[in-house]
């Protein structure tokens, strides 16, 4: 059994939003390390002042969250740093479409949902044409945006797929003169899908 830590959030049950440090509301809100810090934050809003007329809805509750430290649920810091360095190298190499897509996936907590990435680096005079061709082929494969794939196209084009098979099927449909980088999202390892196309049904 590892150490148990309690943290606190304030939630509006009616809206599903959480209280921020400044008294506003957002999807993530603020997490307080103890009730004392939460009390201080509430105190700045004047709730505890004698004679205060501030009224709080009964739909707003304090949520106690119990966090238990487990040895098995750890990541070596050296591995995390190595992965981020690799990520930064790829950002420099493949541009903002790559980094924008990965950032959105991580922000949504979907690292386990999206498995494979196809990147078409920015090529002046061709990228827009390639993008239309790629999106047309995605439509032909009957893949659904947000369900089967996600995309970013700020500079070049990056496509995340839920399965390696979808990525390989997509690569098969693209012209050979289109430069495509295939990437394992979890480990940021590049793979040449052209060598594995024969295994695609």
N, C-alpha and C. Protein backbone atom coordinates (compact mmCIF):
# COMPACT_ATOMS: atom_id res chain seq x y z
N UNK A 1 0.85 -1.20 0.00
CA UNK A 1 0.00 0.00 0.00
C UNK A 1 0.88 1.25 0.00
N UNK A 2 0.63 2.13 -0.93
CA UNK A 2 1.38 3.36 -0.97
C UNK A 2 0.72 4.45 -0.15
N UNK A 3 1.35 5.60 -0.12
CA UNK A 3 0.80 6.73 0.62
C UNK A 3 -0.51 7.18 -0.01
N UNK A 4 -1.44 7.63 0.84
CA UNK A 4 -2.73 8.13 0.38
C UNK A 4 -2.75 9.64 0.57
N UNK A 5 -3.13 10.35 -0.48
CA UNK A 5 -3.20 11.80 -0.45
C UNK A 5 -4.63 12.22 -0.80
N UNK A 6 -5.15 13.21 -0.06
CA UNK A 6 -6.48 13.73 -0.34
C UNK A 6 -6.37 15.13 -0.93
N UNK A 7 -7.08 15.35 -2.02
CA UNK A 7 -7.14 16.68 -2.62
C UNK A 7 -8.61 17.05 -2.78
N UNK A 8 -8.86 18.33 -3.05
CA UNK A 8 -10.25 18.81 -3.04
C UNK A 8 -10.55 19.68 -4.25
N UNK A 9 -11.78 19.54 -4.75
CA UNK A 9 -12.29 20.38 -5.82
C UNK A 9 -13.70 20.84 -5.44
N UNK A 10 -14.13 21.93 -6.02
CA UNK A 10 -15.49 22.42 -5.80
C UNK A 10 -16.24 22.29 -7.12
N UNK A 11 -17.36 21.57 -7.10
CA UNK A 11 -18.09 21.29 -8.33
C UNK A 11 -19.52 21.80 -8.26
N UNK A 12 -19.97 22.36 -9.37
CA UNK A 12 -21.37 22.74 -9.52
C UNK A 12 -22.07 21.56 -10.19
N UNK A 13 -22.86 20.83 -9.43
CA UNK A 13 -23.50 19.63 -9.96
C UNK A 13 -24.47 19.93 -11.09
N UNK A 14 -24.99 21.13 -11.11
CA UNK A 14 -25.97 21.48 -12.14
C UNK A 14 -25.30 21.69 -13.49
N UNK A 15 -24.13 22.33 -13.49
CA UNK A 15 -23.43 22.62 -14.75
C UNK A 15 -22.32 21.64 -15.07
N UNK A 16 -21.83 20.93 -14.03
CA UNK A 16 -20.71 20.00 -14.23
C UNK A 16 -19.36 20.69 -14.25
N UNK A 17 -19.33 22.01 -13.98
CA UNK A 17 -18.09 22.77 -13.99
C UNK A 17 -17.45 22.81 -12.60
N UNK A 18 -16.14 23.10 -12.58
CA UNK A 18 -15.39 23.15 -11.32
C UNK A 18 -14.92 24.58 -11.05
N UNK A 19 -14.83 24.91 -9.78
CA UNK A 19 -14.43 26.25 -9.38
C UNK A 19 -12.94 26.47 -9.64
N UNK A 20 -12.61 27.63 -10.14
CA UNK A 20 -11.22 28.00 -10.36
C UNK A 20 -10.70 28.74 -9.14
N UNK A 21 -9.40 28.99 -9.12
CA UNK A 21 -8.78 29.67 -7.98
C UNK A 21 -9.36 31.06 -7.77
N UNK A 22 -9.72 31.73 -8.86
CA UNK A 22 -10.23 33.09 -8.75
C UNK A 22 -11.73 33.19 -8.55
N UNK A 23 -12.41 32.05 -8.39
CA UNK A 23 -13.84 32.08 -8.16
C UNK A 23 -14.69 31.87 -9.40
N UNK A 24 -14.02 31.67 -10.55
CA UNK A 24 -14.76 31.39 -11.78
C UNK A 24 -15.04 29.89 -11.90
N UNK A 25 -15.46 29.47 -13.09
CA UNK A 25 -15.82 28.06 -13.32
C UNK A 25 -15.26 27.60 -14.65
N UNK A 26 -14.77 26.35 -14.68
CA UNK A 26 -14.23 25.79 -15.92
C UNK A 26 -14.36 24.27 -15.88
N UNK A 27 -14.03 23.62 -17.00
CA UNK A 27 -14.13 22.16 -17.06
C UNK A 27 -13.12 21.48 -16.15
N UNK A 28 -11.96 22.07 -15.97
CA UNK A 28 -10.92 21.46 -15.12
C UNK A 28 -10.93 22.04 -13.72
N UNK A 29 -11.07 23.36 -13.62
CA UNK A 29 -11.08 24.00 -12.31
C UNK A 29 -9.76 23.92 -11.58
N UNK A 30 -9.81 24.22 -10.31
CA UNK A 30 -8.64 24.22 -9.44
C UNK A 30 -8.70 23.02 -8.50
N UNK A 31 -7.55 22.44 -8.23
CA UNK A 31 -7.45 21.37 -7.23
C UNK A 31 -6.65 21.90 -6.04
N UNK A 32 -7.25 21.81 -4.85
CA UNK A 32 -6.58 22.28 -3.64
C UNK A 32 -5.97 21.09 -2.90
N UNK A 33 -4.76 21.31 -2.37
CA UNK A 33 -4.05 20.21 -1.69
C UNK A 33 -4.62 19.89 -0.32
N UNK A 34 -5.31 20.85 0.30
CA UNK A 34 -5.93 20.58 1.60
C UNK A 34 -7.09 21.54 1.80
N UNK A 35 -7.91 21.26 2.82
CA UNK A 35 -9.08 22.09 3.08
C UNK A 35 -8.71 23.49 3.54
N UNK A 36 -7.53 23.62 4.16
CA UNK A 36 -7.09 24.93 4.60
C UNK A 36 -6.89 25.88 3.42
N UNK A 37 -6.27 25.38 2.37
CA UNK A 37 -6.06 26.21 1.18
C UNK A 37 -7.39 26.54 0.51
N UNK A 38 -8.30 25.56 0.49
CA UNK A 38 -9.63 25.81 -0.08
C UNK A 38 -10.37 26.86 0.74
N UNK A 39 -10.26 26.75 2.05
CA UNK A 39 -10.92 27.72 2.94
C UNK A 39 -10.39 29.12 2.68
N UNK A 40 -9.07 29.24 2.49
CA UNK A 40 -8.48 30.56 2.23
C UNK A 40 -9.00 31.13 0.92
N UNK A 41 -9.13 30.26 -0.10
CA UNK A 41 -9.63 30.72 -1.39
C UNK A 41 -11.07 31.19 -1.28
N UNK A 42 -11.89 30.44 -0.55
CA UNK A 42 -13.29 30.84 -0.36
C UNK A 42 -13.38 32.11 0.46
N UNK A 43 -12.44 32.26 1.38
CA UNK A 43 -12.45 33.44 2.24
C UNK A 43 -12.23 34.72 1.47
N UNK A 44 -11.46 34.65 0.39
CA UNK A 44 -11.21 35.85 -0.42
C UNK A 44 -12.48 36.33 -1.11
N UNK A 45 -13.48 35.45 -1.21
CA UNK A 45 -14.75 35.82 -1.83
C UNK A 45 -15.73 36.39 -0.81
N UNK A 46 -15.32 36.42 0.45
CA UNK A 46 -16.15 37.03 1.49
C UNK A 46 -17.23 36.13 2.05
N UNK A 47 -17.17 34.83 1.78
CA UNK A 47 -18.22 33.93 2.26
C UNK A 47 -18.29 33.84 3.78
N UNK A 48 -17.14 33.97 4.44
CA UNK A 48 -17.10 33.76 5.88
C UNK A 48 -17.22 35.04 6.68
N UNK A 49 -17.34 36.16 6.00
CA UNK A 49 -17.41 37.45 6.67
C UNK A 49 -18.73 37.57 7.44
N UNK A 50 -18.69 37.95 8.72
CA UNK A 50 -19.92 38.12 9.51
C UNK A 50 -20.88 39.07 8.81
N UNK A 51 -22.12 38.64 8.70
CA UNK A 51 -23.12 39.47 8.06
C UNK A 51 -23.11 39.43 6.55
N UNK A 52 -22.26 38.56 5.97
CA UNK A 52 -22.18 38.47 4.50
C UNK A 52 -23.51 37.99 3.93
N UNK A 53 -23.88 38.56 2.82
CA UNK A 53 -25.12 38.15 2.15
C UNK A 53 -24.87 37.18 1.00
N UNK A 54 -23.60 36.74 0.88
CA UNK A 54 -23.26 35.81 -0.20
C UNK A 54 -24.01 34.50 -0.02
N UNK A 55 -24.66 34.06 -1.07
CA UNK A 55 -25.43 32.82 -1.02
C UNK A 55 -24.85 31.82 -2.02
N UNK A 56 -24.67 30.59 -1.56
CA UNK A 56 -24.13 29.53 -2.42
C UNK A 56 -25.23 28.51 -2.68
N UNK A 57 -25.38 28.12 -3.95
CA UNK A 57 -26.40 27.12 -4.31
C UNK A 57 -26.10 25.78 -3.66
N UNK A 58 -27.14 25.06 -3.30
CA UNK A 58 -26.97 23.73 -2.71
C UNK A 58 -26.47 22.72 -3.74
N UNK A 59 -26.42 23.12 -5.01
CA UNK A 59 -25.89 22.26 -6.06
C UNK A 59 -24.36 22.29 -6.10
N UNK A 60 -23.76 23.20 -5.35
CA UNK A 60 -22.30 23.32 -5.34
C UNK A 60 -21.75 22.54 -4.15
N UNK A 61 -20.85 21.60 -4.44
CA UNK A 61 -20.34 20.70 -3.40
C UNK A 61 -18.82 20.67 -3.41
N UNK A 62 -18.25 20.31 -2.25
CA UNK A 62 -16.82 20.06 -2.14
C UNK A 62 -16.60 18.58 -2.38
N UNK A 63 -15.75 18.24 -3.31
CA UNK A 63 -15.45 16.84 -3.61
C UNK A 63 -14.08 16.48 -3.05
N UNK A 64 -14.04 15.43 -2.26
CA UNK A 64 -12.78 14.92 -1.73
C UNK A 64 -12.30 13.81 -2.65
N UNK A 65 -11.11 13.97 -3.18
CA UNK A 65 -10.54 12.99 -4.11
C UNK A 65 -9.36 12.31 -3.41
N UNK A 66 -9.43 10.99 -3.34
CA UNK A 66 -8.37 10.22 -2.69
C UNK A 66 -7.41 9.70 -3.76
N UNK A 67 -6.16 10.05 -3.62
CA UNK A 67 -5.12 9.63 -4.56
C UNK A 67 -4.18 8.69 -3.83
N UNK A 68 -4.03 7.49 -4.35
CA UNK A 68 -3.13 6.53 -3.71
C UNK A 68 -1.90 6.30 -4.57
N UNK A 69 -0.75 6.43 -3.96
CA UNK A 69 0.51 6.21 -4.66
C UNK A 69 0.77 4.72 -4.76
N UNK A 70 1.00 4.25 -5.98
CA UNK A 70 1.34 2.84 -6.18
C UNK A 70 2.63 2.74 -6.97
N UNK A 71 3.51 1.86 -6.53
CA UNK A 71 4.81 1.72 -7.18
C UNK A 71 4.66 1.26 -8.63
N UNK A 72 3.66 0.41 -8.89
CA UNK A 72 3.49 -0.11 -10.23
C UNK A 72 3.01 0.93 -11.23
N UNK A 73 2.46 2.02 -10.75
CA UNK A 73 1.91 3.05 -11.63
C UNK A 73 2.87 4.23 -11.73
N UNK A 74 4.08 3.93 -12.18
CA UNK A 74 5.12 4.97 -12.25
C UNK A 74 5.79 4.95 -13.62
N UNK A 75 6.39 6.09 -13.95
CA UNK A 75 7.18 6.21 -15.16
C UNK A 75 8.55 6.77 -14.79
N UNK A 76 9.63 6.07 -15.12
CA UNK A 76 10.97 6.61 -14.81
C UNK A 76 11.14 7.99 -15.44
N UNK A 77 11.62 8.93 -14.67
CA UNK A 77 11.78 10.30 -15.17
C UNK A 77 12.68 10.33 -16.40
N UNK A 78 13.71 9.49 -16.40
CA UNK A 78 14.64 9.49 -17.53
C UNK A 78 13.92 9.08 -18.81
N UNK A 79 12.95 8.16 -18.72
CA UNK A 79 12.18 7.74 -19.89
C UNK A 79 11.28 8.86 -20.38
N UNK A 80 10.66 9.57 -19.42
CA UNK A 80 9.77 10.67 -19.77
C UNK A 80 10.55 11.78 -20.47
N UNK A 81 11.72 12.11 -19.93
CA UNK A 81 12.55 13.16 -20.54
C UNK A 81 12.99 12.75 -21.93
N UNK A 82 13.40 11.49 -22.08
CA UNK A 82 13.83 10.98 -23.38
C UNK A 82 12.71 11.07 -24.40
N UNK A 83 11.49 10.73 -23.98
CA UNK A 83 10.34 10.78 -24.88
C UNK A 83 10.05 12.21 -25.31
N UNK A 84 10.11 13.16 -24.36
CA UNK A 84 9.84 14.55 -24.69
C UNK A 84 10.90 15.14 -25.60
N UNK A 85 12.15 14.72 -25.41
CA UNK A 85 13.21 15.18 -26.31
C UNK A 85 12.95 14.69 -27.73
N UNK A 86 12.52 13.43 -27.83
CA UNK A 86 12.19 12.87 -29.14
C UNK A 86 11.02 13.64 -29.76
N UNK A 87 10.03 13.94 -28.95
CA UNK A 87 8.87 14.71 -29.41
C UNK A 87 9.32 16.07 -29.95
N UNK A 88 10.20 16.76 -29.22
CA UNK A 88 10.66 18.08 -29.63
C UNK A 88 11.47 18.01 -30.92
N UNK A 89 12.25 16.93 -31.08
CA UNK A 89 13.00 16.74 -32.31
C UNK A 89 12.04 16.59 -33.50
N UNK A 90 10.98 15.81 -33.30
CA UNK A 90 10.01 15.59 -34.37
C UNK A 90 9.23 16.86 -34.67
N UNK A 91 8.99 17.68 -33.64
CA UNK A 91 8.32 18.96 -33.87
C UNK A 91 9.15 19.82 -34.81
N UNK A 92 10.45 19.87 -34.55
CA UNK A 92 11.35 20.65 -35.41
C UNK A 92 11.38 20.05 -36.82
N UNK A 93 11.38 18.72 -36.88
CA UNK A 93 11.50 18.04 -38.17
C UNK A 93 10.23 18.10 -39.00
N UNK A 94 9.06 17.95 -38.34
CA UNK A 94 7.81 17.79 -39.09
C UNK A 94 6.81 18.93 -38.89
N UNK A 95 7.13 19.89 -38.05
CA UNK A 95 6.32 21.09 -37.97
C UNK A 95 5.13 21.04 -37.02
N UNK A 96 4.34 22.10 -37.09
CA UNK A 96 3.30 22.32 -36.11
C UNK A 96 2.09 21.41 -36.26
N UNK A 97 1.84 20.87 -37.45
CA UNK A 97 0.71 19.95 -37.59
C UNK A 97 0.91 18.73 -36.71
N UNK A 98 2.13 18.21 -36.72
CA UNK A 98 2.47 17.08 -35.86
C UNK A 98 2.27 17.44 -34.39
N UNK A 99 2.89 18.53 -33.95
CA UNK A 99 2.84 18.88 -32.53
C UNK A 99 1.45 19.31 -32.10
N UNK A 100 0.71 20.00 -32.97
CA UNK A 100 -0.66 20.40 -32.63
C UNK A 100 -1.54 19.18 -32.37
N UNK A 101 -1.42 18.18 -33.24
CA UNK A 101 -2.26 16.99 -33.11
C UNK A 101 -1.93 16.21 -31.85
N UNK A 102 -0.65 16.02 -31.59
CA UNK A 102 -0.24 15.29 -30.39
C UNK A 102 -0.69 16.04 -29.14
N UNK A 103 -0.53 17.37 -29.15
CA UNK A 103 -0.94 18.17 -27.99
C UNK A 103 -2.43 18.04 -27.72
N UNK A 104 -3.26 18.05 -28.76
CA UNK A 104 -4.70 17.91 -28.59
C UNK A 104 -5.07 16.52 -28.07
N UNK A 105 -4.39 15.51 -28.57
CA UNK A 105 -4.66 14.14 -28.12
C UNK A 105 -4.31 14.00 -26.64
N UNK A 106 -3.17 14.56 -26.24
CA UNK A 106 -2.76 14.48 -24.83
C UNK A 106 -3.68 15.30 -23.94
N UNK A 107 -4.10 16.47 -24.42
CA UNK A 107 -4.99 17.32 -23.64
C UNK A 107 -6.32 16.62 -23.37
N UNK A 108 -6.79 15.84 -24.34
CA UNK A 108 -8.05 15.12 -24.20
C UNK A 108 -7.88 13.78 -23.48
N UNK A 109 -6.64 13.47 -23.08
CA UNK A 109 -6.38 12.21 -22.38
C UNK A 109 -6.64 10.99 -23.25
N UNK A 110 -6.34 11.10 -24.55
CA UNK A 110 -6.65 10.02 -25.49
C UNK A 110 -5.41 9.30 -26.02
N UNK A 111 -4.33 9.34 -25.22
CA UNK A 111 -3.10 8.71 -25.69
C UNK A 111 -3.28 7.23 -25.98
N UNK A 112 -4.19 6.58 -25.26
CA UNK A 112 -4.41 5.15 -25.47
C UNK A 112 -5.38 4.86 -26.60
N UNK A 113 -6.05 5.89 -27.12
CA UNK A 113 -7.05 5.69 -28.17
C UNK A 113 -6.44 5.75 -29.57
N UNK A 114 -5.47 6.62 -29.75
CA UNK A 114 -4.90 6.84 -31.08
C UNK A 114 -3.54 6.18 -31.14
N UNK A 115 -3.36 5.28 -32.12
CA UNK A 115 -2.18 4.43 -32.15
C UNK A 115 -1.13 4.85 -33.18
N UNK A 116 -1.60 5.35 -34.32
CA UNK A 116 -0.66 5.55 -35.43
C UNK A 116 -0.85 6.91 -36.09
N UNK A 117 0.24 7.47 -36.56
CA UNK A 117 0.22 8.80 -37.14
C UNK A 117 0.83 8.77 -38.54
N UNK A 118 0.16 9.40 -39.49
CA UNK A 118 0.73 9.63 -40.81
C UNK A 118 0.96 11.12 -40.95
N UNK A 119 2.16 11.50 -41.33
CA UNK A 119 2.52 12.91 -41.47
C UNK A 119 2.92 13.17 -42.91
N UNK A 120 2.30 14.18 -43.52
CA UNK A 120 2.73 14.65 -44.83
C UNK A 120 3.34 16.03 -44.61
N UNK A 121 4.67 16.10 -44.58
CA UNK A 121 5.33 17.37 -44.28
C UNK A 121 4.95 18.47 -45.27
N UNK A 122 5.08 19.71 -44.81
CA UNK A 122 4.74 20.86 -45.64
C UNK A 122 5.64 20.91 -46.88
N UNK A 123 5.02 20.93 -48.04
CA UNK A 123 5.75 21.07 -49.30
C UNK A 123 5.04 22.17 -50.09
N UNK A 124 5.71 23.28 -50.28
CA UNK A 124 5.07 24.43 -50.92
C UNK A 124 4.61 24.08 -52.34
N UNK A 125 3.37 24.47 -52.64
CA UNK A 125 2.82 24.24 -53.96
C UNK A 125 2.15 22.88 -54.12
N UNK A 126 2.35 21.98 -53.15
CA UNK A 126 1.76 20.65 -53.27
C UNK A 126 0.89 20.26 -52.09
N UNK A 127 1.16 20.80 -50.92
CA UNK A 127 0.48 20.35 -49.72
C UNK A 127 -1.04 20.47 -49.80
N UNK A 128 -1.53 21.59 -50.35
CA UNK A 128 -2.98 21.78 -50.43
C UNK A 128 -3.61 20.74 -51.34
N UNK A 129 -2.96 20.45 -52.47
CA UNK A 129 -3.48 19.44 -53.39
C UNK A 129 -3.45 18.07 -52.73
N UNK A 130 -2.35 17.77 -52.06
CA UNK A 130 -2.23 16.48 -51.39
C UNK A 130 -3.28 16.33 -50.31
N UNK A 131 -3.52 17.42 -49.58
CA UNK A 131 -4.49 17.34 -48.49
C UNK A 131 -5.88 16.98 -49.01
N UNK A 132 -6.29 17.61 -50.10
CA UNK A 132 -7.60 17.30 -50.68
C UNK A 132 -7.67 15.85 -51.14
N UNK A 133 -6.57 15.36 -51.71
CA UNK A 133 -6.51 13.98 -52.16
C UNK A 133 -6.61 13.02 -50.98
N UNK A 134 -5.88 13.32 -49.92
CA UNK A 134 -5.88 12.47 -48.72
C UNK A 134 -7.27 12.43 -48.09
N UNK A 135 -7.91 13.59 -47.95
CA UNK A 135 -9.23 13.63 -47.33
C UNK A 135 -10.28 12.91 -48.18
N UNK A 136 -10.11 12.96 -49.49
CA UNK A 136 -11.03 12.23 -50.37
C UNK A 136 -10.87 10.73 -50.18
N UNK A 137 -9.62 10.28 -50.01
CA UNK A 137 -9.38 8.85 -49.80
C UNK A 137 -9.89 8.39 -48.44
N UNK A 138 -9.79 9.26 -47.45
CA UNK A 138 -10.34 8.94 -46.13
C UNK A 138 -11.84 8.74 -46.23
N UNK A 139 -12.48 9.60 -47.01
CA UNK A 139 -13.93 9.48 -47.20
C UNK A 139 -14.27 8.17 -47.90
N UNK A 140 -13.43 7.78 -48.86
CA UNK A 140 -13.66 6.52 -49.58
C UNK A 140 -13.51 5.31 -48.65
N UNK A 141 -12.66 5.45 -47.65
CA UNK A 141 -12.48 4.37 -46.67
C UNK A 141 -13.60 4.36 -45.64
N UNK A 142 -14.45 5.38 -45.72
CA UNK A 142 -15.60 5.52 -44.82
C UNK A 142 -15.16 5.66 -43.35
N UNK A 143 -14.04 6.35 -43.16
CA UNK A 143 -13.57 6.62 -41.80
C UNK A 143 -14.21 7.91 -41.32
N UNK A 144 -14.54 7.94 -40.04
CA UNK A 144 -15.24 9.09 -39.47
C UNK A 144 -14.30 9.94 -38.62
N UNK A 145 -14.34 11.24 -38.87
CA UNK A 145 -13.54 12.19 -38.12
C UNK A 145 -13.91 12.13 -36.65
N UNK A 146 -12.92 12.03 -35.78
CA UNK A 146 -13.17 11.99 -34.34
C UNK A 146 -13.45 10.61 -33.83
N UNK A 147 -13.82 9.68 -34.72
CA UNK A 147 -14.08 8.30 -34.33
C UNK A 147 -12.97 7.38 -34.80
N UNK A 148 -12.62 7.50 -36.08
CA UNK A 148 -11.57 6.66 -36.66
C UNK A 148 -10.27 7.42 -36.87
N UNK A 149 -10.36 8.73 -37.00
CA UNK A 149 -9.14 9.51 -37.23
C UNK A 149 -9.31 10.94 -36.71
N UNK A 150 -8.18 11.57 -36.46
CA UNK A 150 -8.13 12.99 -36.13
C UNK A 150 -7.08 13.63 -37.03
N UNK A 151 -7.21 14.93 -37.28
CA UNK A 151 -6.25 15.57 -38.17
C UNK A 151 -5.86 16.95 -37.68
N UNK A 152 -4.71 17.40 -38.13
CA UNK A 152 -4.25 18.78 -37.93
C UNK A 152 -3.57 19.19 -39.22
N UNK A 153 -3.78 20.42 -39.64
CA UNK A 153 -3.21 20.85 -40.92
C UNK A 153 -2.72 22.29 -40.87
N UNK A 154 -2.12 22.67 -39.76
CA UNK A 154 -1.61 24.05 -39.66
C UNK A 154 -0.41 24.26 -40.58
N UNK A 155 0.50 23.29 -40.65
CA UNK A 155 1.62 23.31 -41.60
C UNK A 155 1.86 21.87 -42.00
N UNK A 156 1.53 21.56 -43.24
CA UNK A 156 1.56 20.16 -43.64
C UNK A 156 0.27 19.50 -43.16
N UNK A 157 0.28 18.17 -43.07
CA UNK A 157 -0.90 17.44 -42.66
C UNK A 157 -0.50 16.29 -41.75
N UNK A 158 -1.19 16.16 -40.63
CA UNK A 158 -0.95 15.06 -39.70
C UNK A 158 -2.27 14.37 -39.43
N UNK A 159 -2.27 13.04 -39.53
CA UNK A 159 -3.47 12.25 -39.32
C UNK A 159 -3.20 11.17 -38.28
N UNK A 160 -4.03 11.14 -37.24
CA UNK A 160 -3.91 10.08 -36.23
C UNK A 160 -5.01 9.06 -36.47
N UNK A 161 -4.64 7.77 -36.38
CA UNK A 161 -5.59 6.68 -36.59
C UNK A 161 -5.69 5.82 -35.34
N UNK A 162 -6.86 5.24 -35.14
CA UNK A 162 -7.05 4.38 -33.97
C UNK A 162 -6.41 3.01 -34.16
N UNK A 163 -6.18 2.63 -35.41
CA UNK A 163 -5.55 1.34 -35.65
C UNK A 163 -4.46 1.48 -36.70
N UNK A 164 -3.46 0.62 -36.57
CA UNK A 164 -2.38 0.61 -37.55
C UNK A 164 -2.91 0.18 -38.91
N UNK A 165 -3.90 -0.70 -38.92
CA UNK A 165 -4.46 -1.18 -40.17
C UNK A 165 -5.08 -0.03 -40.97
N UNK A 166 -5.81 0.87 -40.29
CA UNK A 166 -6.38 2.03 -40.99
C UNK A 166 -5.27 2.89 -41.57
N UNK A 167 -4.19 3.07 -40.82
CA UNK A 167 -3.07 3.87 -41.31
C UNK A 167 -2.45 3.23 -42.55
N UNK A 168 -2.30 1.91 -42.52
CA UNK A 168 -1.71 1.20 -43.65
C UNK A 168 -2.63 1.24 -44.86
N UNK A 169 -3.94 1.10 -44.63
CA UNK A 169 -4.89 1.19 -45.73
C UNK A 169 -4.84 2.58 -46.37
N UNK A 170 -4.70 3.59 -45.52
CA UNK A 170 -4.62 4.95 -46.02
C UNK A 170 -3.36 5.14 -46.85
N UNK A 171 -2.24 4.61 -46.35
CA UNK A 171 -0.97 4.75 -47.07
C UNK A 171 -1.03 4.08 -48.43
N UNK A 172 -1.72 2.93 -48.52
CA UNK A 172 -1.85 2.22 -49.78
C UNK A 172 -2.57 3.06 -50.84
N UNK A 173 -3.48 3.92 -50.40
CA UNK A 173 -4.29 4.70 -51.33
C UNK A 173 -3.60 5.97 -51.81
N UNK A 174 -2.47 6.31 -51.21
CA UNK A 174 -1.79 7.55 -51.57
C UNK A 174 -0.78 7.33 -52.68
N UNK A 175 -0.63 8.33 -53.52
CA UNK A 175 0.35 8.24 -54.60
C UNK A 175 1.75 8.06 -54.04
N UNK A 176 2.57 7.32 -54.76
CA UNK A 176 3.92 7.03 -54.27
C UNK A 176 4.79 8.26 -54.19
N UNK A 177 4.45 9.32 -54.94
CA UNK A 177 5.28 10.53 -54.89
C UNK A 177 4.94 11.43 -53.70
N UNK A 178 3.92 11.06 -52.96
CA UNK A 178 3.59 11.82 -51.76
C UNK A 178 4.47 11.33 -50.61
N UNK A 179 5.25 12.24 -50.06
CA UNK A 179 6.11 11.87 -48.95
C UNK A 179 5.26 11.70 -47.69
N UNK A 180 5.30 10.52 -47.12
CA UNK A 180 4.52 10.22 -45.93
C UNK A 180 5.42 9.63 -44.86
N UNK A 181 5.32 10.18 -43.66
CA UNK A 181 6.06 9.64 -42.52
C UNK A 181 5.09 8.88 -41.64
N UNK A 182 5.42 7.65 -41.30
CA UNK A 182 4.58 6.80 -40.45
C UNK A 182 5.18 6.77 -39.06
N UNK A 183 4.34 6.99 -38.04
CA UNK A 183 4.86 7.15 -36.69
C UNK A 183 3.98 6.45 -35.66
N UNK A 184 4.61 5.68 -34.80
CA UNK A 184 3.95 5.08 -33.66
C UNK A 184 3.79 6.19 -32.62
N UNK A 185 2.54 6.58 -32.32
CA UNK A 185 2.30 7.73 -31.44
C UNK A 185 2.85 7.50 -30.03
N UNK A 186 2.69 6.29 -29.50
CA UNK A 186 3.08 6.05 -28.12
C UNK A 186 4.58 6.21 -27.89
N UNK A 187 5.36 5.71 -28.84
CA UNK A 187 6.82 5.72 -28.65
C UNK A 187 7.55 6.68 -29.56
N UNK A 188 6.79 7.39 -30.44
CA UNK A 188 7.39 8.31 -31.38
C UNK A 188 8.48 7.63 -32.22
N UNK A 189 8.19 6.41 -32.64
CA UNK A 189 9.14 5.65 -33.45
C UNK A 189 8.62 5.60 -34.88
N UNK A 190 9.47 5.96 -35.83
CA UNK A 190 9.07 5.95 -37.23
C UNK A 190 9.15 4.55 -37.81
N UNK A 191 8.21 4.21 -38.69
CA UNK A 191 8.18 2.91 -39.34
C UNK A 191 7.83 3.10 -40.81
N UNK A 192 8.42 2.30 -41.66
CA UNK A 192 8.10 2.36 -43.07
C UNK A 192 6.94 1.43 -43.36
N UNK A 193 5.73 1.97 -43.44
CA UNK A 193 4.56 1.14 -43.68
C UNK A 193 4.58 0.52 -45.07
N UNK A 194 5.32 1.12 -46.01
CA UNK A 194 5.38 0.56 -47.36
C UNK A 194 5.89 -0.87 -47.34
N UNK A 195 6.75 -1.19 -46.35
CA UNK A 195 7.32 -2.52 -46.27
C UNK A 195 6.32 -3.53 -45.73
N UNK A 196 5.22 -3.03 -45.13
CA UNK A 196 4.28 -3.93 -44.51
C UNK A 196 2.93 -3.97 -45.25
N UNK A 197 2.85 -3.34 -46.38
CA UNK A 197 1.58 -3.21 -47.06
C UNK A 197 0.98 -4.54 -47.47
N UNK A 198 1.82 -5.50 -47.72
CA UNK A 198 1.31 -6.80 -48.16
C UNK A 198 0.47 -7.49 -47.13
N UNK A 199 0.59 -7.08 -45.86
CA UNK A 199 -0.17 -7.70 -44.79
C UNK A 199 -1.53 -7.07 -44.60
N UNK A 200 -1.80 -5.96 -45.33
CA UNK A 200 -3.08 -5.29 -45.20
C UNK A 200 -4.14 -6.03 -46.00
N UNK A 201 -5.29 -6.30 -45.36
CA UNK A 201 -6.36 -7.01 -46.05
C UNK A 201 -7.12 -6.04 -46.94
